Amino acid sequence: LCRDAAARAEALGYRTCLLTDRLQCEAREAGRFLSAMAGTHAGKGEKTAYILGGETVVHLTGHGLGGRNQELALAAAEGLAGLEAVVASVGSDGTDGPTDAAGGITDGTTADALAALGISIDKTLADNDAYHALKACGGLIVTGPTGTNVNDITVLLV
């Protein structure tokens, strides 16, 4: 999956960097890490796709709806604010948590869009409700069942 993602990114003109195909950490921390990377690398004039495969975890603290890929993408949103960067994270099976979404996508405009809707990223993450926040700003990725389940894939584009 990571090799195919890299090949597709290269075909679109991106230099690719496979960070890992064994990602195992808290989804929020992965999202924040990727937005920190974006802060360092965005706007340098070189299109780069950072690719990660693996499966993160979510420790439930609230009663919202979402999945690990949605939470990862939402956690990246604040750090991406104002940057020309995108974080997308999806489950290869087309599902993420108990939702109809495969994952989520955020970019440099997502945090402002959520704020304009009165949605706090911090409160949403505390309630594990990434699904509703991403749905409100058009950040859900919905693929339907894919018939395969090899890994989650996360991509940072700068």
N, C-alpha and C. Protein backbone atom coordinates (compact mmCIF):
# COMPACT_ATOMS: atom_id res chain seq x y z
N LEU A 1 0.83 -1.20 0.00
CA LEU A 1 0.00 0.00 0.00
C LEU A 1 0.87 1.25 0.00
N CYS A 2 1.91 1.26 0.84
CA CYS A 2 2.80 2.43 0.88
C CYS A 2 3.54 2.60 -0.44
N ARG A 3 4.00 1.50 -1.02
CA ARG A 3 4.69 1.59 -2.32
C ARG A 3 3.76 2.15 -3.40
N ASP A 4 2.51 1.67 -3.41
CA ASP A 4 1.56 2.16 -4.41
C ASP A 4 1.25 3.65 -4.20
N ALA A 5 1.12 4.06 -2.94
CA ALA A 5 0.88 5.47 -2.65
C ALA A 5 2.06 6.31 -3.11
N ALA A 6 3.27 5.83 -2.87
CA ALA A 6 4.46 6.56 -3.31
C ALA A 6 4.51 6.66 -4.83
N ALA A 7 4.19 5.58 -5.51
CA ALA A 7 4.20 5.60 -6.97
C ALA A 7 3.18 6.59 -7.51
N ARG A 8 2.01 6.62 -6.91
CA ARG A 8 0.97 7.56 -7.36
C ARG A 8 1.39 9.00 -7.10
N ALA A 9 1.97 9.25 -5.92
CA ALA A 9 2.44 10.60 -5.59
C ALA A 9 3.53 11.04 -6.56
N GLU A 10 4.45 10.13 -6.88
CA GLU A 10 5.51 10.46 -7.84
C GLU A 10 4.93 10.77 -9.21
N ALA A 11 3.92 10.02 -9.62
CA ALA A 11 3.26 10.28 -10.91
C ALA A 11 2.61 11.66 -10.93
N LEU A 12 2.24 12.16 -9.75
CA LEU A 12 1.63 13.49 -9.64
C LEU A 12 2.67 14.59 -9.43
N GLY A 13 3.95 14.22 -9.48
CA GLY A 13 5.01 15.21 -9.39
C GLY A 13 5.59 15.45 -8.01
N TYR A 14 5.27 14.60 -7.06
CA TYR A 14 5.81 14.74 -5.71
C TYR A 14 7.06 13.90 -5.53
N ARG A 15 8.04 14.44 -4.81
CA ARG A 15 9.14 13.64 -4.29
C ARG A 15 8.54 12.89 -3.11
N THR A 16 8.89 11.64 -2.92
CA THR A 16 8.26 10.87 -1.84
C THR A 16 9.28 10.46 -0.79
N CYS A 17 8.77 10.33 0.42
CA CYS A 17 9.58 9.86 1.54
C CYS A 17 8.71 8.94 2.39
N LEU A 18 9.06 7.66 2.42
CA LEU A 18 8.35 6.72 3.28
C LEU A 18 8.92 6.86 4.68
N LEU A 19 8.13 7.44 5.59
CA LEU A 19 8.59 7.62 6.97
C LEU A 19 8.57 6.30 7.73
N THR A 20 7.52 5.50 7.54
CA THR A 20 7.43 4.19 8.18
C THR A 20 6.25 3.43 7.58
N ASP A 21 6.35 2.11 7.61
CA ASP A 21 5.19 1.28 7.28
C ASP A 21 4.75 0.50 8.52
N ARG A 22 5.17 1.00 9.69
CA ARG A 22 4.87 0.34 10.96
C ARG A 22 4.42 1.35 12.02
N LEU A 23 3.68 2.35 11.66
CA LEU A 23 3.25 3.38 12.59
C LEU A 23 2.36 2.78 13.67
N GLN A 24 2.73 2.97 14.92
CA GLN A 24 1.94 2.49 16.06
C GLN A 24 2.11 3.50 17.18
N CYS A 25 1.17 4.41 17.30
CA CYS A 25 1.21 5.41 18.36
C CYS A 25 -0.19 6.00 18.51
N GLU A 26 -0.34 6.93 19.40
CA GLU A 26 -1.60 7.62 19.59
C GLU A 26 -1.92 8.44 18.34
N ALA A 27 -3.14 8.32 17.84
CA ALA A 27 -3.54 9.02 16.61
C ALA A 27 -3.33 10.53 16.71
N ARG A 28 -3.70 11.11 17.84
CA ARG A 28 -3.54 12.56 18.00
C ARG A 28 -2.08 12.97 17.89
N GLU A 29 -1.21 12.19 18.50
CA GLU A 29 0.22 12.53 18.47
C GLU A 29 0.78 12.41 17.05
N ALA A 30 0.34 11.41 16.31
CA ALA A 30 0.78 11.28 14.92
C ALA A 30 0.33 12.50 14.11
N GLY A 31 -0.92 12.93 14.30
CA GLY A 31 -1.41 14.10 13.59
C GLY A 31 -0.64 15.36 13.93
N ARG A 32 -0.36 15.54 15.21
CA ARG A 32 0.39 16.73 15.63
C ARG A 32 1.82 16.68 15.10
N PHE A 33 2.43 15.50 15.10
CA PHE A 33 3.77 15.35 14.56
C PHE A 33 3.80 15.72 13.08
N LEU A 34 2.82 15.24 12.32
CA LEU A 34 2.79 15.54 10.89
C LEU A 34 2.58 17.03 10.63
N SER A 35 1.76 17.68 11.45
CA SER A 35 1.58 19.13 11.25
C SER A 35 2.86 19.87 11.61
N ALA A 36 3.62 19.37 12.58
CA ALA A 36 4.91 19.99 12.90
C ALA A 36 5.88 19.82 11.73
N MET A 37 5.86 18.65 11.11
CA MET A 37 6.69 18.44 9.92
C MET A 37 6.27 19.41 8.81
N ALA A 38 4.98 19.58 8.65
CA ALA A 38 4.49 20.51 7.63
C ALA A 38 5.00 21.92 7.90
N GLY A 39 5.01 22.32 9.16
CA GLY A 39 5.51 23.65 9.51
C GLY A 39 6.96 23.85 9.12
N THR A 40 7.73 22.79 9.16
CA THR A 40 9.13 22.85 8.78
C THR A 40 9.32 22.82 7.26
N HIS A 41 8.52 22.03 6.56
CA HIS A 41 8.78 21.76 5.14
C HIS A 41 7.85 22.46 4.15
N ALA A 42 6.71 22.94 4.58
CA ALA A 42 5.78 23.60 3.64
C ALA A 42 6.37 24.91 3.13
N GLY A 43 6.06 25.22 1.89
CA GLY A 43 6.47 26.49 1.31
C GLY A 43 7.93 26.56 0.90
N LYS A 44 8.60 25.44 0.83
CA LYS A 44 10.03 25.42 0.45
C LYS A 44 10.20 25.28 -1.06
N GLY A 45 9.10 25.16 -1.80
CA GLY A 45 9.18 25.09 -3.25
C GLY A 45 9.37 23.69 -3.80
N GLU A 46 9.46 22.69 -2.95
CA GLU A 46 9.60 21.31 -3.41
C GLU A 46 8.38 20.51 -2.97
N LYS A 47 7.65 19.98 -3.93
CA LYS A 47 6.48 19.17 -3.60
C LYS A 47 6.94 17.83 -3.05
N THR A 48 6.54 17.54 -1.80
CA THR A 48 6.96 16.31 -1.15
C THR A 48 5.75 15.62 -0.54
N ALA A 49 5.72 14.29 -0.67
CA ALA A 49 4.70 13.46 -0.04
C ALA A 49 5.39 12.58 0.99
N TYR A 50 5.03 12.77 2.26
CA TYR A 50 5.53 11.93 3.35
C TYR A 50 4.48 10.86 3.60
N ILE A 51 4.87 9.61 3.55
CA ILE A 51 3.93 8.49 3.59
C ILE A 51 4.19 7.65 4.83
N LEU A 52 3.10 7.29 5.51
CA LEU A 52 3.18 6.44 6.69
C LEU A 52 2.13 5.35 6.58
N GLY A 53 2.51 4.13 6.89
CA GLY A 53 1.57 3.03 6.98
C GLY A 53 1.60 2.48 8.39
N GLY A 54 0.56 1.81 8.78
CA GLY A 54 0.49 1.25 10.13
C GLY A 54 -0.88 1.51 10.71
N GLU A 55 -1.01 1.34 12.01
CA GLU A 55 -2.29 1.60 12.66
C GLU A 55 -2.06 2.29 13.98
N THR A 56 -2.63 3.48 14.11
CA THR A 56 -2.55 4.23 15.35
C THR A 56 -3.65 3.75 16.30
N VAL A 57 -3.67 4.31 17.50
CA VAL A 57 -4.69 3.96 18.48
C VAL A 57 -5.35 5.23 19.00
N VAL A 58 -6.56 5.07 19.52
CA VAL A 58 -7.29 6.16 20.15
C VAL A 58 -7.67 5.69 21.55
N HIS A 59 -7.34 6.51 22.53
CA HIS A 59 -7.80 6.24 23.89
C HIS A 59 -9.08 7.05 24.09
N LEU A 60 -10.16 6.35 24.32
CA LEU A 60 -11.46 7.01 24.43
C LEU A 60 -11.57 7.78 25.74
N THR A 61 -11.87 9.07 25.59
CA THR A 61 -12.09 9.93 26.74
C THR A 61 -13.47 10.58 26.68
N GLY A 62 -14.14 10.44 25.55
CA GLY A 62 -15.44 11.08 25.35
C GLY A 62 -16.45 10.11 24.80
N HIS A 63 -17.54 10.68 24.30
CA HIS A 63 -18.66 9.87 23.82
C HIS A 63 -19.03 10.19 22.38
N GLY A 64 -18.11 10.78 21.63
CA GLY A 64 -18.39 11.16 20.25
C GLY A 64 -18.25 10.01 19.28
N LEU A 65 -18.17 10.35 18.02
CA LEU A 65 -18.10 9.38 16.94
C LEU A 65 -16.86 9.66 16.09
N GLY A 66 -16.20 8.62 15.67
CA GLY A 66 -15.03 8.79 14.82
C GLY A 66 -14.20 7.53 14.80
N GLY A 67 -13.02 7.65 14.27
CA GLY A 67 -12.07 6.55 14.20
C GLY A 67 -10.66 7.11 14.24
N ARG A 68 -9.69 6.21 14.27
CA ARG A 68 -8.29 6.65 14.44
C ARG A 68 -7.81 7.52 13.29
N ASN A 69 -8.23 7.24 12.07
CA ASN A 69 -7.78 8.05 10.94
C ASN A 69 -8.41 9.44 10.96
N GLN A 70 -9.67 9.51 11.33
CA GLN A 70 -10.34 10.80 11.44
C GLN A 70 -9.70 11.63 12.56
N GLU A 71 -9.41 10.99 13.67
CA GLU A 71 -8.80 11.70 14.80
C GLU A 71 -7.40 12.20 14.44
N LEU A 72 -6.63 11.39 13.73
CA LEU A 72 -5.30 11.80 13.30
C LEU A 72 -5.39 13.05 12.42
N ALA A 73 -6.26 13.01 11.43
CA ALA A 73 -6.40 14.14 10.51
C ALA A 73 -6.85 15.40 11.25
N LEU A 74 -7.83 15.26 12.15
CA LEU A 74 -8.32 16.42 12.89
C LEU A 74 -7.24 16.98 13.80
N ALA A 75 -6.46 16.12 14.44
CA ALA A 75 -5.39 16.58 15.32
C ALA A 75 -4.33 17.36 14.56
N ALA A 76 -4.18 17.10 13.28
CA ALA A 76 -3.20 17.84 12.46
C ALA A 76 -3.70 19.23 12.08
N ALA A 77 -5.00 19.45 12.10
CA ALA A 77 -5.59 20.66 11.54
C ALA A 77 -5.06 21.95 12.13
N GLU A 78 -4.95 22.02 13.44
CA GLU A 78 -4.50 23.27 14.06
C GLU A 78 -3.08 23.64 13.64
N GLY A 79 -2.19 22.67 13.60
CA GLY A 79 -0.82 22.92 13.19
C GLY A 79 -0.66 23.21 11.71
N LEU A 80 -1.64 22.79 10.91
CA LEU A 80 -1.60 23.06 9.47
C LEU A 80 -2.12 24.45 9.12
N ALA A 81 -2.74 25.12 10.08
CA ALA A 81 -3.40 26.41 9.82
C ALA A 81 -2.47 27.37 9.09
N GLY A 82 -2.95 27.87 7.96
CA GLY A 82 -2.21 28.84 7.17
C GLY A 82 -1.13 28.27 6.28
N LEU A 83 -0.89 26.97 6.36
CA LEU A 83 0.16 26.34 5.55
C LEU A 83 -0.42 25.75 4.26
N GLU A 84 0.41 25.66 3.25
CA GLU A 84 0.04 24.94 2.04
C GLU A 84 0.43 23.48 2.25
N ALA A 85 -0.41 22.76 2.97
CA ALA A 85 -0.12 21.37 3.33
C ALA A 85 -1.44 20.65 3.55
N VAL A 86 -1.40 19.33 3.35
CA VAL A 86 -2.58 18.48 3.51
C VAL A 86 -2.17 17.22 4.26
N VAL A 87 -3.02 16.79 5.19
CA VAL A 87 -2.86 15.48 5.83
C VAL A 87 -4.12 14.68 5.54
N ALA A 88 -3.93 13.49 4.98
CA ALA A 88 -5.04 12.56 4.74
C ALA A 88 -4.67 11.22 5.37
N SER A 89 -5.66 10.60 6.02
CA SER A 89 -5.42 9.31 6.65
C SER A 89 -6.65 8.44 6.45
N VAL A 90 -6.44 7.21 5.96
CA VAL A 90 -7.57 6.32 5.65
C VAL A 90 -7.24 4.87 6.00
N GLY A 91 -8.30 4.12 6.28
CA GLY A 91 -8.18 2.68 6.45
C GLY A 91 -8.32 2.00 5.10
N SER A 92 -7.44 1.07 4.81
CA SER A 92 -7.46 0.42 3.50
C SER A 92 -8.73 -0.39 3.27
N ASP A 93 -9.44 -0.74 4.34
CA ASP A 93 -10.68 -1.51 4.18
C ASP A 93 -11.89 -0.62 3.90
N GLY A 94 -11.70 0.69 3.94
CA GLY A 94 -12.79 1.62 3.67
C GLY A 94 -13.61 1.98 4.90
N THR A 95 -13.17 1.52 6.08
CA THR A 95 -13.88 1.88 7.30
C THR A 95 -12.91 2.44 8.33
N ASP A 96 -13.43 3.29 9.18
CA ASP A 96 -12.65 3.90 10.25
C ASP A 96 -13.55 4.05 11.45
N GLY A 97 -13.33 3.22 12.46
CA GLY A 97 -14.21 3.24 13.62
C GLY A 97 -15.61 2.83 13.23
N PRO A 98 -16.57 3.10 14.09
CA PRO A 98 -17.96 2.72 13.80
C PRO A 98 -18.67 3.77 12.94
N THR A 99 -18.07 4.12 11.79
CA THR A 99 -18.62 5.17 10.93
C THR A 99 -18.68 4.69 9.49
N ASP A 100 -19.27 5.49 8.64
CA ASP A 100 -19.32 5.20 7.20
C ASP A 100 -18.11 5.78 6.47
N ALA A 101 -17.22 6.42 7.19
CA ALA A 101 -16.04 7.04 6.58
C ALA A 101 -14.83 6.11 6.65
N ALA A 102 -13.95 6.24 5.68
CA ALA A 102 -12.69 5.50 5.68
C ALA A 102 -11.61 6.28 6.42
N GLY A 103 -11.80 7.58 6.58
CA GLY A 103 -10.82 8.42 7.26
C GLY A 103 -11.13 9.89 7.08
N GLY A 104 -10.09 10.70 7.19
CA GLY A 104 -10.29 12.14 7.11
C GLY A 104 -9.16 12.85 6.42
N ILE A 105 -9.43 14.10 6.05
CA ILE A 105 -8.45 14.95 5.37
C ILE A 105 -8.59 16.37 5.90
N THR A 106 -7.45 16.99 6.20
CA THR A 106 -7.42 18.38 6.66
C THR A 106 -6.31 19.12 5.94
N ASP A 107 -6.43 20.45 5.92
CA ASP A 107 -5.41 21.26 5.26
C ASP A 107 -5.27 22.59 6.00
N GLY A 108 -4.57 23.51 5.38
CA GLY A 108 -4.30 24.80 6.01
C GLY A 108 -5.51 25.67 6.26
N THR A 109 -6.67 25.30 5.73
CA THR A 109 -7.89 26.08 5.93
C THR A 109 -8.86 25.44 6.92
N THR A 110 -8.61 24.20 7.32
CA THR A 110 -9.58 23.45 8.13
C THR A 110 -9.82 24.09 9.49
N ALA A 111 -8.78 24.48 10.19
CA ALA A 111 -8.95 25.04 11.54
C ALA A 111 -9.83 26.29 11.51
N ASP A 112 -9.59 27.17 10.54
CA ASP A 112 -10.42 28.38 10.43
C ASP A 112 -11.85 28.04 10.06
N ALA A 113 -12.04 27.05 9.19
CA ALA A 113 -13.40 26.65 8.81
C ALA A 113 -14.16 26.11 10.02
N LEU A 114 -13.49 25.31 10.83
CA LEU A 114 -14.14 24.77 12.03
C LEU A 114 -14.44 25.88 13.03
N ALA A 115 -13.50 26.81 13.22
CA ALA A 115 -13.73 27.93 14.14
C ALA A 115 -14.92 28.76 13.70
N ALA A 116 -15.04 28.98 12.38
CA ALA A 116 -16.17 29.75 11.86
C ALA A 116 -17.50 29.05 12.12
N LEU A 117 -17.45 27.72 12.26
CA LEU A 117 -18.65 26.94 12.57
C LEU A 117 -18.87 26.80 14.08
N GLY A 118 -17.99 27.40 14.86
CA GLY A 118 -18.10 27.31 16.32
C GLY A 118 -17.62 25.98 16.88
N ILE A 119 -16.79 25.27 16.13
CA ILE A 119 -16.30 23.95 16.55
C ILE A 119 -14.88 24.08 17.06
N SER A 120 -14.66 23.69 18.31
CA SER A 120 -13.33 23.70 18.92
C SER A 120 -12.64 22.36 18.65
N ILE A 121 -11.47 22.41 18.05
CA ILE A 121 -10.72 21.18 17.78
C ILE A 121 -10.38 20.48 19.09
N ASP A 122 -9.90 21.22 20.08
CA ASP A 122 -9.52 20.61 21.36
C ASP A 122 -10.71 19.92 22.03
N LYS A 123 -11.84 20.59 22.09
CA LYS A 123 -13.03 19.99 22.71
C LYS A 123 -13.52 18.79 21.92
N THR A 124 -13.45 18.89 20.61
CA THR A 124 -13.88 17.79 19.76
C THR A 124 -13.00 16.56 19.97
N LEU A 125 -11.69 16.77 20.04
CA LEU A 125 -10.79 15.64 20.29
C LEU A 125 -11.01 15.06 21.68
N ALA A 126 -11.25 15.91 22.68
CA ALA A 126 -11.50 15.42 24.03
C ALA A 126 -12.75 14.55 24.09
N ASP A 127 -13.72 14.84 23.21
CA ASP A 127 -14.95 14.05 23.16
C ASP A 127 -14.88 12.93 22.12
N ASN A 128 -13.72 12.75 21.49
CA ASN A 128 -13.55 11.74 20.44
C ASN A 128 -14.64 11.86 19.38
N ASP A 129 -14.90 13.09 18.90
CA ASP A 129 -15.98 13.34 17.97
C ASP A 129 -15.48 13.89 16.63
N ALA A 130 -14.37 13.35 16.16
CA ALA A 130 -13.78 13.83 14.91
C ALA A 130 -14.75 13.69 13.73
N TYR A 131 -15.56 12.65 13.73
CA TYR A 131 -16.48 12.42 12.61
C TYR A 131 -17.36 13.64 12.35
N HIS A 132 -18.02 14.14 13.39
CA HIS A 132 -18.95 15.26 13.18
C HIS A 132 -18.23 16.55 12.80
N ALA A 133 -17.05 16.78 13.37
CA ALA A 133 -16.29 17.98 13.00
C ALA A 133 -15.86 17.91 11.54
N LEU A 134 -15.30 16.77 11.13
CA LEU A 134 -14.85 16.64 9.74
C LEU A 134 -16.03 16.67 8.77
N LYS A 135 -17.14 16.09 9.16
CA LYS A 135 -18.32 16.13 8.30
C LYS A 135 -18.77 17.58 8.09
N ALA A 136 -18.72 18.38 9.15
CA ALA A 136 -19.16 19.77 9.08
C ALA A 136 -18.32 20.60 8.12
N CYS A 137 -17.05 20.25 7.96
CA CYS A 137 -16.18 21.06 7.09
C CYS A 137 -15.77 20.34 5.81
N GLY A 138 -16.42 19.23 5.50
CA GLY A 138 -16.12 18.52 4.26
C GLY A 138 -14.85 17.71 4.31
N GLY A 139 -14.42 17.28 5.49
CA GLY A 139 -13.16 16.59 5.64
C GLY A 139 -13.24 15.08 5.82
N LEU A 140 -14.41 14.50 5.60
CA LEU A 140 -14.49 13.04 5.67
C LEU A 140 -14.10 12.43 4.33
N ILE A 141 -13.43 11.29 4.38
CA ILE A 141 -13.15 10.51 3.18
C ILE A 141 -14.02 9.27 3.25
N VAL A 142 -14.93 9.14 2.31
CA VAL A 142 -15.87 8.02 2.27
C VAL A 142 -15.62 7.24 0.98
N THR A 143 -15.22 5.99 1.12
CA THR A 143 -14.93 5.15 -0.05
C THR A 143 -15.88 3.98 -0.19
N GLY A 144 -16.53 3.60 0.91
CA GLY A 144 -17.26 2.35 0.93
C GLY A 144 -16.27 1.21 1.11
N PRO A 145 -16.78 -0.01 1.33
CA PRO A 145 -15.89 -1.16 1.53
C PRO A 145 -14.99 -1.39 0.32
N THR A 146 -13.72 -1.69 0.59
CA THR A 146 -12.76 -1.87 -0.50
C THR A 146 -12.46 -3.33 -0.80
N GLY A 147 -12.83 -4.23 0.11
CA GLY A 147 -12.56 -5.64 -0.10
C GLY A 147 -11.15 -6.05 0.26
N THR A 148 -10.41 -5.16 0.90
CA THR A 148 -9.05 -5.48 1.33
C THR A 148 -8.80 -4.83 2.68
N ASN A 149 -7.83 -5.34 3.41
CA ASN A 149 -7.47 -4.74 4.68
C ASN A 149 -6.00 -5.04 4.96
N VAL A 150 -5.12 -4.17 4.46
CA VAL A 150 -3.69 -4.40 4.63
C VAL A 150 -3.05 -3.44 5.64
N ASN A 151 -3.61 -2.26 5.81
CA ASN A 151 -2.98 -1.26 6.66
C ASN A 151 -3.81 0.02 6.60
N ASP A 152 -3.53 0.94 7.48
CA ASP A 152 -3.98 2.32 7.31
C ASP A 152 -2.87 3.03 6.56
N ILE A 153 -3.23 4.07 5.85
CA ILE A 153 -2.22 4.87 5.17
C ILE A 153 -2.48 6.34 5.47
N THR A 154 -1.40 7.03 5.78
CA THR A 154 -1.46 8.46 6.07
C THR A 154 -0.45 9.16 5.16
N VAL A 155 -0.87 10.28 4.60
CA VAL A 155 0.00 11.03 3.70
C VAL A 155 -0.02 12.50 4.10
N LEU A 156 1.15 13.07 4.20
CA LEU A 156 1.32 14.52 4.36
C LEU A 156 1.87 15.05 3.03
N LEU A 157 1.15 15.97 2.43
CA LEU A 157 1.61 16.62 1.20
C LEU A 157 2.00 18.06 1.52
N VAL A 158 3.22 18.42 1.13
CA VAL A 158 3.66 19.82 1.28
C VAL A 158 4.23 20.28 -0.06
